Amino acid sequence: MLNRQNYLREIHRVVHEGRFQDTWESLSQYRVPDWYVNAKFGIFIHWGVYSVPAFGSEWYSRNMYLQGTKEFEHHRKTYGNQKDFGYKDFIPLFRAERFDPEAWADLFRQAGARYVVPVAEHHDGFQMYKSELSHFNAYEMGPHRDVAGELKLALESRGLVYGASSHRVEHWFFMGHGKEFPSDIHEPLKQGDLYWPSMPEREILDLFSEPKPTAAFLEDWLLRTCELVDRYHPRVLYFDWWIQHSAVKPYLKKFAAYYYNRAAQWGTGAVINYKYDAFPMGSAVLDMERGQFADAKPYFWQTDTSVARNSWGYTENNDYKPVSEILCTLADVVSKNGCLLLNIGPRADGTIPDEDRNLLLEVGSWLRVNGEAIYDTHVWRVSQEGETKAANGQFADEKGTAYTASDIRFTAKGPYVYAIVLRAPEDGVVRIQSLADRDAQKTPCFHGVIRDVIVLGESEKPQWERSAQALTVRMEKAKNDHPVVVRILTD
């Protein structure tokens, strides 16, 4: 096993000698790499031991020990008492016998993704990668495969960027309810155990909750995260929400400086995704979970959401979103200086459900026609028009937004302006007010010359005219409710 003290000394050395120090002032020198700003679309993957019960959500490991929950009752009826069959007993059943990283990578490329972020360790504490810090990992147990390493090779051989996510810090409290009644979670627990430390769960959004994570736990968190970076060189490192806890901040700064310095050594660039106010603005990339901004932002950001409303991981009753909603989210986010990380949940055997697969293929089909309005674009002078705006804030996608043919999102690249009409008009007529010849209301508008107009995916050029009220484009009647893209050549 890894010598923890030697590794800690190496981490301190890299931070001390590198460009980035473990202070917010130093970390504010960070710049988002161009490849990430231009990529716009990535795939998130929630796959782990929780895919075996496939019930409720990926929080099964917590909720099966929380008395009164549907997971608690389901577990007792299906597997027996938690004292006799605990979460650890799912590990031998997580065999991943049909996991094919080459097929996964092919699918993600067909979907039009530019980067892929599998979960490396979720709240349950089981590592989906080869580790020298705990035996509870996919290389030594369950699949007995280096899942992360195999997938990284397959992705990078196809030109896709490999990232990883760590949800480890929430493990401080995630299994704690198992100590409240007779279960297989009991003292003594030691560092490296799957269930360690299983502390009491308090108000989890309280930044000063007691008991605070200990130095032993936080050092273990730092080592695990740095080991993940050193072993796999992910170019994106996604963190879930609890890293904003006050006790975590010194270790978070240490990790960020280490990661940025190591990425500089490798010449790869690095991205850290964070929630809430875990990082000061500009020192990493803000992530909006299951939510968006109502308006464009001057800084680059990301939204992560799932193809299903009810769960990030696979369950037998996932409530899937329509592909048109996902495409509208992509267009809306990109128009506002963001990117979309779209999650899927494979089954325990490693197969990707048909619903997930078909959604990804439809997204890819749309991007093959309209991707030039997404990839490598930047924010235009106006990001949107129309009465319908996305809800502002996180956790706002419980139901889809009802966009109309009047709701348009804009991107730009070179001499082109792209008007992404979020719902194709039934009559084939689009009126783009932001591209009117003049604007009597004195709102922001475009005063340049329009040289040409085409509709992406249509073989015939549309009829168009520009008046004082709008640029009016007459196109083919809608074949479906997917967004349609009008490309405007300007001068």
Protein backbone atom coordinates (compact mmCIF):
# COMPACT_ATOMS: atom_id res chain seq x y z
CA MET A 1 0.00 0.00 0.00
CA LEU A 2 1.03 3.60 -0.57
CA ASN A 3 3.18 5.26 2.12
CA ARG A 4 0.85 8.04 3.16
CA GLN A 5 3.40 10.26 4.86
CA ASN A 6 5.81 10.14 1.92
CA TYR A 7 2.99 10.99 -0.46
CA LEU A 8 1.87 13.92 1.70
CA ARG A 9 5.43 15.25 1.66
CA GLU A 10 5.50 14.98 -2.14
CA ILE A 11 2.22 16.88 -2.39
CA HIS A 12 3.61 19.67 -0.21
CA ARG A 13 6.78 19.79 -2.33
CA VAL A 14 4.90 20.13 -5.62
CA VAL A 15 2.78 22.93 -4.15
CA HIS A 16 5.74 24.72 -2.60
CA GLU A 17 7.88 24.60 -5.76
CA GLY A 18 5.15 25.13 -8.38
CA ARG A 19 3.62 28.23 -9.89
CA PHE A 20 0.39 27.77 -7.94
CA GLN A 21 0.48 28.02 -4.16
CA ASP A 22 -2.28 26.92 -1.82
CA THR A 23 -3.76 30.40 -1.40
CA TRP A 24 -6.79 31.90 -3.09
CA GLU A 25 -4.62 34.78 -4.29
CA SER A 26 -2.32 32.39 -6.12
CA LEU A 27 -5.13 30.19 -7.44
CA SER A 28 -6.83 33.27 -8.91
CA GLN A 29 -4.11 33.18 -11.61
CA TYR A 30 -5.87 30.16 -13.07
CA ARG A 31 -7.19 30.39 -16.64
CA VAL A 32 -9.74 28.04 -18.17
CA PRO A 33 -8.11 26.06 -21.01
CA ASP A 34 -9.29 26.83 -24.54
CA TRP A 35 -10.11 23.22 -25.35
CA TYR A 36 -12.71 23.15 -22.58
CA VAL A 37 -14.28 26.47 -23.53
CA ASN A 38 -14.59 25.21 -27.11
CA ALA A 39 -15.79 21.69 -26.31
CA LYS A 40 -19.27 22.70 -25.05
CA PHE A 41 -20.61 19.15 -24.58
CA GLY A 42 -19.51 16.27 -22.37
CA ILE A 43 -20.82 12.99 -20.99
CA PHE A 44 -21.08 12.26 -17.25
CA ILE A 45 -21.29 8.61 -16.09
CA HIS A 46 -22.71 7.47 -12.76
CA TRP A 47 -21.81 3.79 -12.50
CA GLY A 48 -20.88 1.88 -9.41
CA VAL A 49 -22.02 -0.60 -6.77
CA TYR A 50 -25.33 1.30 -6.44
CA SER A 51 -26.15 0.04 -9.96
CA VAL A 52 -26.70 -3.45 -8.50
CA PRO A 53 -29.82 -2.72 -6.40
CA ALA A 54 -30.86 -0.21 -9.10
CA PHE A 55 -33.57 1.17 -6.83
CA GLY A 56 -34.44 4.73 -5.86
CA SER A 57 -31.27 6.50 -6.91
CA GLU A 58 -27.48 6.45 -6.63
CA TRP A 59 -27.98 7.40 -2.96
CA TYR A 60 -29.03 3.83 -2.17
CA SER A 61 -26.00 3.28 0.07
CA ARG A 62 -27.23 6.03 2.41
CA ASN A 63 -30.96 5.50 2.17
CA MET A 64 -30.92 1.72 2.72
CA TYR A 65 -29.74 2.51 6.28
CA LEU A 66 -32.16 5.42 6.82
CA GLN A 67 -35.22 4.06 8.61
CA GLY A 68 -38.53 5.04 7.06
CA THR A 69 -37.27 5.46 3.50
CA LYS A 70 -38.49 3.43 0.55
CA GLU A 71 -34.94 2.13 0.10
CA PHE A 72 -34.83 0.87 3.70
CA GLU A 73 -38.07 -1.08 3.26
CA HIS A 74 -37.13 -2.30 -0.23
CA HIS A 75 -33.82 -3.60 1.07
CA ARG A 76 -35.39 -5.59 3.88
CA LYS A 77 -38.01 -7.11 1.60
CA THR A 78 -35.55 -7.92 -1.19
CA TYR A 79 -32.24 -8.73 0.52
CA GLY A 80 -33.05 -9.16 4.21
CA ASN A 81 -31.95 -7.41 7.36
CA GLN A 82 -29.17 -4.82 6.98
CA LYS A 83 -27.19 -6.63 9.65
CA ASP A 84 -27.07 -9.78 7.53
CA PHE A 85 -26.85 -8.18 4.08
CA GLY A 86 -25.25 -4.76 4.00
CA TYR A 87 -24.09 -2.49 1.23
CA LYS A 88 -20.70 -4.21 1.09
CA ASP A 89 -22.47 -7.41 0.08
CA PHE A 90 -23.45 -5.85 -3.25
CA ILE A 91 -19.78 -5.62 -4.26
CA PRO A 92 -19.40 -9.27 -5.39
CA LEU A 93 -22.58 -8.79 -7.44
CA PHE A 94 -21.09 -5.80 -9.23
CA ARG A 95 -19.29 -7.85 -11.87
CA ALA A 96 -19.39 -5.53 -14.91
CA GLU A 97 -19.16 -8.68 -17.03
CA ARG A 98 -20.39 -6.88 -20.18
CA PHE A 99 -18.43 -3.65 -19.74
CA ASP A 100 -16.89 -2.77 -23.11
CA PRO A 101 -14.94 0.50 -22.89
CA GLU A 102 -14.37 0.53 -26.67
CA ALA A 103 -18.11 0.37 -27.33
CA TRP A 104 -18.75 3.06 -24.73
CA ALA A 105 -16.20 5.36 -26.33
CA ASP A 106 -17.68 4.76 -29.78
CA LEU A 107 -21.12 5.71 -28.48
CA PHE A 108 -19.89 8.88 -26.79
CA ARG A 109 -18.13 9.94 -29.97
CA GLN A 110 -21.29 9.29 -31.98
CA ALA A 111 -23.16 11.40 -29.44
CA GLY A 112 -20.94 14.37 -30.29
CA ALA A 113 -19.28 14.61 -26.87
CA ARG A 114 -15.85 16.20 -26.63
CA TYR A 115 -15.06 15.13 -23.03
CA VAL A 116 -16.21 12.33 -20.71
CA VAL A 117 -16.32 12.37 -16.91
CA PRO A 118 -16.97 9.00 -15.23
CA VAL A 119 -17.50 8.93 -11.47
CA ALA A 120 -14.24 7.76 -9.93
CA GLU A 121 -15.58 7.53 -6.37
CA HIS A 122 -19.11 8.25 -5.27
CA HIS A 123 -20.44 8.94 -1.79
CA ASP A 124 -20.50 5.18 -1.12
CA GLY A 125 -16.69 5.09 -0.86
CA PHE A 126 -16.07 2.42 -3.52
CA GLN A 127 -13.31 3.46 -5.91
CA MET A 128 -13.88 2.73 -9.60
CA TYR A 129 -10.14 2.75 -10.22
CA LYS A 130 -6.96 1.00 -9.10
CA SER A 131 -5.87 2.40 -5.75
CA GLU A 132 -3.14 1.85 -3.20
CA LEU A 133 -5.08 3.60 -0.43
CA SER A 134 -7.97 1.18 0.03
CA HIS A 135 -8.73 -2.39 -1.00
CA PHE A 136 -12.33 -1.40 -1.72
CA ASN A 137 -11.79 -0.61 -5.38
CA ALA A 138 -12.90 -2.08 -8.72
CA TYR A 139 -9.45 -3.51 -9.46
CA GLU A 140 -9.34 -5.66 -6.32
CA MET A 141 -13.07 -6.32 -5.85
CA GLY A 142 -16.26 -6.59 -7.90
CA PRO A 143 -15.24 -6.33 -11.59
CA HIS A 144 -11.54 -6.91 -10.80
CA ARG A 145 -10.73 -4.44 -13.58
CA ASP A 146 -9.12 -1.03 -13.72
CA VAL A 147 -12.34 0.52 -15.00
CA ALA A 148 -10.97 4.06 -15.12
CA GLY A 149 -7.77 3.07 -16.87
CA GLU A 150 -9.50 1.00 -19.54
CA LEU A 151 -12.02 3.73 -20.28
CA LYS A 152 -9.34 6.43 -20.41
CA LEU A 153 -7.41 4.50 -23.06
CA ALA A 154 -10.52 3.91 -25.16
CA LEU A 155 -11.62 7.55 -24.96
CA GLU A 156 -8.25 9.09 -25.74
CA SER A 157 -7.71 6.75 -28.71
CA ARG A 158 -10.80 8.40 -30.22
CA GLY A 159 -9.77 11.96 -29.46
CA LEU A 160 -12.06 12.40 -26.48
CA VAL A 161 -10.84 14.07 -23.28
CA TYR A 162 -10.84 11.96 -20.11
CA GLY A 163 -12.06 13.49 -16.86
CA ALA A 164 -13.11 12.10 -13.49
CA SER A 165 -15.38 13.04 -10.61
CA SER A 166 -14.84 12.68 -6.88
CA HIS A 167 -17.74 12.64 -4.41
CA ARG A 168 -15.54 11.27 -1.63
CA VAL A 169 -15.83 14.12 0.86
CA GLU A 170 -19.53 13.38 1.51
CA HIS A 171 -18.53 9.91 2.67
CA TRP A 172 -17.77 11.50 6.04
CA PHE A 173 -21.45 11.16 6.93
CA PHE A 174 -22.97 9.15 4.10
CA MET A 175 -23.24 5.78 5.88
CA GLY A 176 -23.74 7.18 9.37
CA HIS A 177 -27.39 6.17 9.73
CA GLY A 178 -26.25 2.54 9.82
CA LYS A 179 -25.02 3.09 13.37
CA GLU A 180 -28.52 4.02 14.59
CA PHE A 181 -29.83 0.44 14.60
CA PRO A 182 -28.33 -3.07 14.34
CA SER A 183 -26.64 -3.24 10.92
CA ASP A 184 -23.32 -4.25 9.42
CA ILE A 185 -22.02 -0.74 10.03
CA HIS A 186 -20.59 -0.79 13.53
CA GLU A 187 -17.45 0.11 15.44
CA PRO A 188 -14.57 -0.33 15.29
CA LEU A 189 -14.06 1.15 11.83
CA LYS A 190 -10.57 1.83 10.57
CA GLN A 191 -9.13 3.96 7.79
CA GLY A 192 -9.42 2.16 4.47
CA ASP A 193 -12.62 0.31 5.39
CA LEU A 194 -15.57 0.83 3.06
CA TYR A 195 -17.72 2.17 5.90
CA TRP A 196 -15.12 4.37 7.62
CA PRO A 197 -15.89 6.81 9.21
CA SER A 198 -19.76 6.81 9.03
CA MET A 199 -20.19 9.88 11.21
CA PRO A 200 -23.57 11.33 12.24
CA GLU A 201 -25.37 13.27 9.52
CA ARG A 202 -26.19 16.84 10.53
CA GLU A 203 -27.53 19.68 8.42
CA ILE A 204 -25.49 18.82 5.38
CA LEU A 205 -25.49 22.32 3.92
CA ASP A 206 -24.27 23.82 7.19
CA LEU A 207 -20.73 24.97 6.45
CA PHE A 208 -19.81 24.68 10.14
CA SER A 209 -21.64 21.44 10.98
CA GLU A 210 -20.40 19.38 13.91
CA PRO A 211 -18.65 17.11 14.25
CA LYS A 212 -16.36 18.54 11.58
CA PRO A 213 -14.39 16.22 9.34
CA THR A 214 -11.15 15.30 11.09
CA ALA A 215 -7.62 15.85 9.86
CA ALA A 216 -7.28 12.07 9.36
CA PHE A 217 -10.32 11.98 7.06
CA LEU A 218 -9.32 15.12 5.16
CA GLU A 219 -5.76 13.92 4.65
CA ASP A 220 -7.20 10.67 3.31
CA TRP A 221 -9.45 12.72 0.97
CA LEU A 222 -6.47 14.72 -0.25
CA LEU A 223 -4.39 11.61 -0.86
CA ARG A 224 -7.18 9.82 -2.73
CA THR A 225 -7.82 12.79 -4.97
CA CYS A 226 -4.13 13.35 -5.71
CA GLU A 227 -3.68 9.64 -6.39
CA LEU A 228 -6.51 9.84 -8.92
CA VAL A 229 -4.79 12.78 -10.62
CA ASP A 230 -1.35 11.17 -10.67
CA ARG A 231 -2.51 7.78 -11.88
CA TYR A 232 -4.91 8.88 -14.63
CA HIS A 233 -4.10 12.51 -15.50
CA PRO A 234 -7.74 13.61 -15.86
CA ARG A 235 -8.08 16.96 -17.60
CA VAL A 236 -11.36 17.63 -15.77
CA LEU A 237 -11.86 16.98 -12.06
CA TYR A 238 -15.47 17.37 -10.98
CA PHE A 239 -16.34 17.80 -7.30
CA ASP A 240 -19.75 17.48 -5.75
CA TRP A 241 -21.11 19.99 -3.29
CA TRP A 242 -19.74 19.31 0.24
CA ILE A 243 -16.21 20.54 -0.52
CA GLN A 244 -17.43 24.00 0.51
CA HIS A 245 -17.43 22.90 4.18
CA SER A 246 -15.19 25.18 6.25
CA ALA A 247 -13.02 22.30 7.45
CA VAL A 248 -12.31 21.19 3.87
CA LYS A 249 -11.10 24.55 2.53
CA PRO A 250 -7.38 24.29 3.48
CA TYR A 251 -7.17 20.85 1.88
CA LEU A 252 -9.14 22.02 -1.14
CA LYS A 253 -6.66 24.83 -1.76
CA LYS A 254 -3.79 22.37 -1.37
CA PHE A 255 -5.35 20.01 -3.89
CA ALA A 256 -6.12 22.72 -6.45
CA ALA A 257 -2.53 24.01 -6.34
CA TYR A 258 -1.20 20.47 -6.67
CA TYR A 259 -3.50 19.62 -9.60
CA TYR A 260 -2.82 22.85 -11.49
CA ASN A 261 0.94 22.45 -11.00
CA ARG A 262 0.91 18.82 -12.11
CA ALA A 263 -1.18 19.69 -15.20
CA ALA A 264 1.32 22.42 -16.04
CA GLN A 265 4.12 19.84 -15.84
CA TRP A 266 2.20 17.55 -18.18
CA GLY A 267 1.20 20.39 -20.52
CA THR A 268 -2.45 19.32 -20.52
CA GLY A 269 -4.30 22.12 -18.79
CA ALA A 270 -6.77 21.37 -16.01
CA VAL A 271 -10.38 22.08 -15.06
CA ILE A 272 -11.94 21.84 -11.61
CA ASN A 273 -15.75 21.90 -11.44
CA TYR A 274 -17.24 23.08 -8.14
CA LYS A 275 -20.66 23.91 -6.66
CA TYR A 276 -21.92 26.87 -4.66
CA ASP A 277 -19.06 29.00 -3.28
CA ALA A 278 -16.44 26.31 -2.73
CA PHE A 279 -13.97 28.32 -4.84
CA PRO A 280 -13.67 32.08 -5.32
CA MET A 281 -14.88 33.14 -8.74
CA GLY A 282 -12.18 32.70 -11.38
CA SER A 283 -10.06 30.09 -9.60
CA ALA A 284 -12.04 27.13 -11.02
CA VAL A 285 -15.20 26.53 -13.09
CA LEU A 286 -18.60 26.97 -11.45
CA ASP A 287 -21.06 24.11 -11.99
CA MET A 288 -24.84 24.42 -11.78
CA GLU A 289 -26.34 21.05 -10.88
CA ARG A 290 -29.62 20.35 -12.67
CA GLY A 291 -30.00 24.06 -13.34
CA GLN A 292 -29.00 26.99 -15.47
CA PHE A 293 -28.64 30.76 -15.47
CA ALA A 294 -31.44 32.91 -16.81
CA ASP A 295 -28.93 35.24 -18.49
CA ALA A 296 -25.46 35.11 -20.02
CA LYS A 297 -22.45 35.33 -17.70
CA PRO A 298 -19.06 36.99 -18.23
CA TYR A 299 -17.30 33.88 -16.87
CA PHE A 300 -17.32 30.36 -18.30
CA TRP A 301 -19.50 27.88 -16.42
CA GLN A 302 -21.02 24.42 -16.68
CA THR A 303 -24.36 22.78 -16.04
CA ASP A 304 -24.54 19.10 -15.25
CA THR A 305 -27.81 17.27 -15.57
CA SER A 306 -28.99 13.76 -16.29
CA VAL A 307 -31.02 12.09 -19.01
CA ALA A 308 -33.35 11.00 -16.17
CA ARG A 309 -35.15 13.27 -13.71
CA ASN A 310 -35.21 10.89 -10.75
CA SER A 311 -31.70 9.47 -10.60
CA TRP A 312 -28.14 9.88 -11.82
CA GLY A 313 -27.49 6.14 -11.69
CA TYR A 314 -29.41 3.37 -13.39
CA THR A 315 -32.71 2.35 -11.83
CA GLU A 316 -35.43 0.14 -13.25
CA ASN A 317 -37.89 3.06 -13.28
CA ASN A 318 -35.91 5.98 -14.63
CA ASP A 319 -38.01 8.95 -15.76
CA TYR A 320 -36.31 9.99 -18.99
CA LYS A 321 -36.38 13.46 -20.50
CA PRO A 322 -37.33 13.98 -24.16
CA VAL A 323 -34.35 14.64 -26.42
CA SER A 324 -35.79 18.02 -27.46
CA GLU A 325 -35.46 19.19 -23.84
CA ILE A 326 -31.83 18.13 -23.72
CA LEU A 327 -31.08 19.92 -26.99
CA CYS A 328 -32.77 23.10 -25.77
CA THR A 329 -30.71 22.94 -22.57
CA LEU A 330 -27.53 22.58 -24.61
CA ALA A 331 -28.36 25.55 -26.83
CA ASP A 332 -29.48 27.72 -23.92
CA VAL A 333 -26.37 27.00 -21.84
CA VAL A 334 -23.91 27.53 -24.71
CA SER A 335 -25.55 30.85 -25.64
CA LYS A 336 -24.89 32.03 -22.07
CA ASN A 337 -21.17 31.16 -22.02
CA GLY A 338 -21.51 27.68 -20.60
CA CYS A 339 -21.15 24.00 -21.43
CA LEU A 340 -23.31 20.95 -20.77
CA LEU A 341 -22.22 17.77 -18.98
CA LEU A 342 -24.97 15.22 -19.66
CA ASN A 343 -25.19 12.16 -17.42
CA ILE A 344 -26.12 8.56 -18.19
CA GLY A 345 -26.36 5.54 -15.87
CA PRO A 346 -25.16 2.11 -17.09
CA ARG A 347 -26.44 -1.14 -15.61
CA ALA A 348 -24.34 -3.16 -13.17
CA ASP A 349 -23.25 -5.53 -15.93
CA GLY A 350 -21.76 -2.63 -17.91
CA THR A 351 -24.44 -2.33 -20.58
CA ILE A 352 -25.94 1.06 -21.38
CA PRO A 353 -29.77 1.03 -21.39
CA ASP A 354 -31.47 1.53 -24.74
CA GLU A 355 -33.16 4.69 -23.48
CA ASP A 356 -29.80 6.30 -22.61
CA ARG A 357 -28.22 5.06 -25.82
CA ASN A 358 -31.03 6.31 -28.06
CA LEU A 359 -31.05 9.73 -26.40
CA LEU A 360 -27.29 10.07 -26.95
CA LEU A 361 -27.58 8.98 -30.58
CA GLU A 362 -30.34 11.52 -31.22
CA VAL A 363 -28.22 14.26 -29.67
CA GLY A 364 -25.34 13.17 -31.87
CA SER A 365 -27.53 13.16 -34.97
CA TRP A 366 -28.62 16.74 -34.25
CA LEU A 367 -25.05 17.86 -33.59
CA ARG A 368 -23.79 16.40 -36.86
CA VAL A 369 -26.11 18.82 -38.65
CA ASN A 370 -26.05 21.75 -36.24
CA GLY A 371 -22.82 21.35 -34.30
CA GLU A 372 -21.16 24.35 -35.91
CA ALA A 373 -23.59 26.51 -33.91
CA ILE A 374 -22.34 24.85 -30.70
CA TYR A 375 -18.67 23.84 -30.91
CA ASP A 376 -15.95 26.51 -30.84
CA THR A 377 -18.50 29.32 -30.63
CA HIS A 378 -18.65 32.30 -28.33
CA VAL A 379 -21.33 34.52 -26.87
CA TRP A 380 -22.87 37.02 -29.27
CA ARG A 381 -23.88 40.57 -28.33
CA VAL A 382 -27.36 39.22 -27.51
CA SER A 383 -27.69 35.76 -25.97
CA GLN A 384 -31.43 35.26 -26.29
CA GLU A 385 -34.78 36.61 -27.34
CA GLY A 386 -38.33 35.48 -26.64
CA GLU A 387 -40.53 35.47 -23.59
CA THR A 388 -39.43 32.11 -22.19
CA LYS A 389 -36.32 31.96 -20.02
CA ALA A 390 -34.73 29.05 -18.24
CA ALA A 391 -35.31 28.98 -14.50
CA ASN A 392 -32.39 30.60 -12.68
CA GLY A 393 -30.54 28.38 -10.22
CA GLN A 394 -29.79 24.78 -9.34
CA PHE A 395 -32.22 21.85 -9.16
CA ALA A 396 -34.71 23.50 -11.51
CA ASP A 397 -35.20 20.73 -14.08
CA GLU A 398 -37.92 18.73 -12.35
CA LYS A 399 -40.04 19.53 -15.37
CA GLY A 400 -39.06 20.83 -18.77
CA THR A 401 -39.37 24.42 -19.97
CA ALA A 402 -42.05 24.93 -22.64
CA TYR A 403 -40.17 26.86 -25.32
CA THR A 404 -41.83 28.25 -28.44
CA ALA A 405 -40.72 29.19 -31.96
CA SER A 406 -40.23 32.75 -30.67
CA ASP A 407 -37.58 31.62 -28.19
CA ILE A 408 -34.18 31.96 -29.85
CA ARG A 409 -30.64 31.55 -28.54
CA PHE A 410 -27.60 33.09 -30.23
CA THR A 411 -23.98 32.03 -30.67
CA ALA A 412 -21.26 33.39 -32.94
CA LYS A 413 -18.10 32.28 -34.72
CA GLY A 414 -16.07 34.25 -37.23
CA PRO A 415 -18.42 36.16 -39.58
CA TYR A 416 -21.38 33.98 -38.64
CA VAL A 417 -24.19 34.53 -36.17
CA TYR A 418 -26.22 31.44 -35.30
CA ALA A 419 -29.85 31.83 -34.29
CA ILE A 420 -30.97 28.60 -32.60
CA VAL A 421 -34.76 28.48 -32.66
CA LEU A 422 -35.62 26.32 -29.65
CA ARG A 423 -38.79 24.89 -31.15
CA ALA A 424 -39.05 24.53 -34.90
CA PRO A 425 -42.00 26.62 -36.16
CA GLU A 426 -44.92 24.60 -37.47
CA ASP A 427 -45.52 27.06 -40.30
CA GLY A 428 -41.85 27.30 -41.20
CA VAL A 429 -41.58 31.03 -40.49
CA VAL A 430 -39.04 32.43 -38.03
CA ARG A 431 -38.88 36.09 -37.06
CA ILE A 432 -35.61 37.13 -35.45
CA GLN A 433 -36.08 40.55 -33.88
CA SER A 434 -32.46 40.92 -32.75
CA LEU A 435 -31.42 40.97 -36.41
CA ALA A 436 -33.91 43.62 -37.52
CA ASP A 437 -32.65 46.41 -39.78
CA ARG A 438 -33.25 48.91 -37.03
CA ASP A 439 -34.84 48.91 -33.57
CA ALA A 440 -37.31 51.61 -32.66
CA GLN A 441 -37.27 50.50 -29.00
CA LYS A 442 -33.51 51.20 -28.73
CA THR A 443 -32.82 47.72 -27.36
CA PRO A 444 -29.57 46.00 -28.36
CA CYS A 445 -29.61 45.01 -32.00
CA PHE A 446 -27.33 44.28 -34.94
CA HIS A 447 -26.65 47.12 -37.38
CA GLY A 448 -24.26 45.27 -39.72
CA VAL A 449 -24.90 43.95 -43.20
CA ILE A 450 -26.40 40.49 -43.67
CA ARG A 451 -24.85 38.77 -46.70
CA ASP A 452 -26.53 35.39 -46.62
CA VAL A 453 -28.90 33.21 -44.61
CA ILE A 454 -29.17 29.43 -44.60
CA VAL A 455 -30.93 26.88 -42.43
CA LEU A 456 -28.57 24.11 -41.35
CA GLY A 457 -29.68 20.73 -42.63
CA GLU A 458 -31.82 22.07 -45.47
CA SER A 459 -30.67 21.55 -49.05
CA GLU A 460 -32.53 24.57 -50.42
CA LYS A 461 -31.75 28.12 -49.40
CA PRO A 462 -34.60 29.73 -47.51
CA GLN A 463 -36.38 32.90 -48.50
CA TRP A 464 -35.52 35.73 -46.17
CA GLU A 465 -36.06 39.44 -45.78
CA ARG A 466 -34.90 42.02 -43.29
CA SER A 467 -37.27 44.72 -42.12
CA ALA A 468 -37.36 47.26 -39.33
CA GLN A 469 -39.13 44.67 -37.19
CA ALA A 470 -37.20 41.45 -37.77
CA LEU A 471 -35.16 39.20 -39.99
CA THR A 472 -37.85 36.89 -41.35
CA VAL A 473 -36.79 33.45 -42.59
CA ARG A 474 -39.10 31.02 -44.40
CA MET A 475 -37.92 27.46 -44.11
CA GLU A 476 -39.25 23.94 -44.43
CA LYS A 477 -42.07 22.99 -42.10
CA ALA A 478 -41.00 21.27 -38.91
CA LYS A 479 -40.43 17.51 -38.98
CA ASN A 480 -40.13 17.33 -35.18
CA ASP A 481 -39.92 19.63 -32.16
CA HIS A 482 -36.10 19.82 -32.10
CA PRO A 483 -34.34 23.19 -32.26
CA VAL A 484 -33.51 24.47 -35.73
CA VAL A 485 -30.46 26.60 -36.56
CA VAL A 486 -30.36 29.62 -38.84
CA ARG A 487 -26.85 30.64 -39.90
CA ILE A 488 -26.42 34.30 -40.80
CA LEU A 489 -23.36 35.51 -42.70
CA THR A 490 -22.58 39.07 -41.63
CA ASP A 491 -20.25 41.80 -42.78
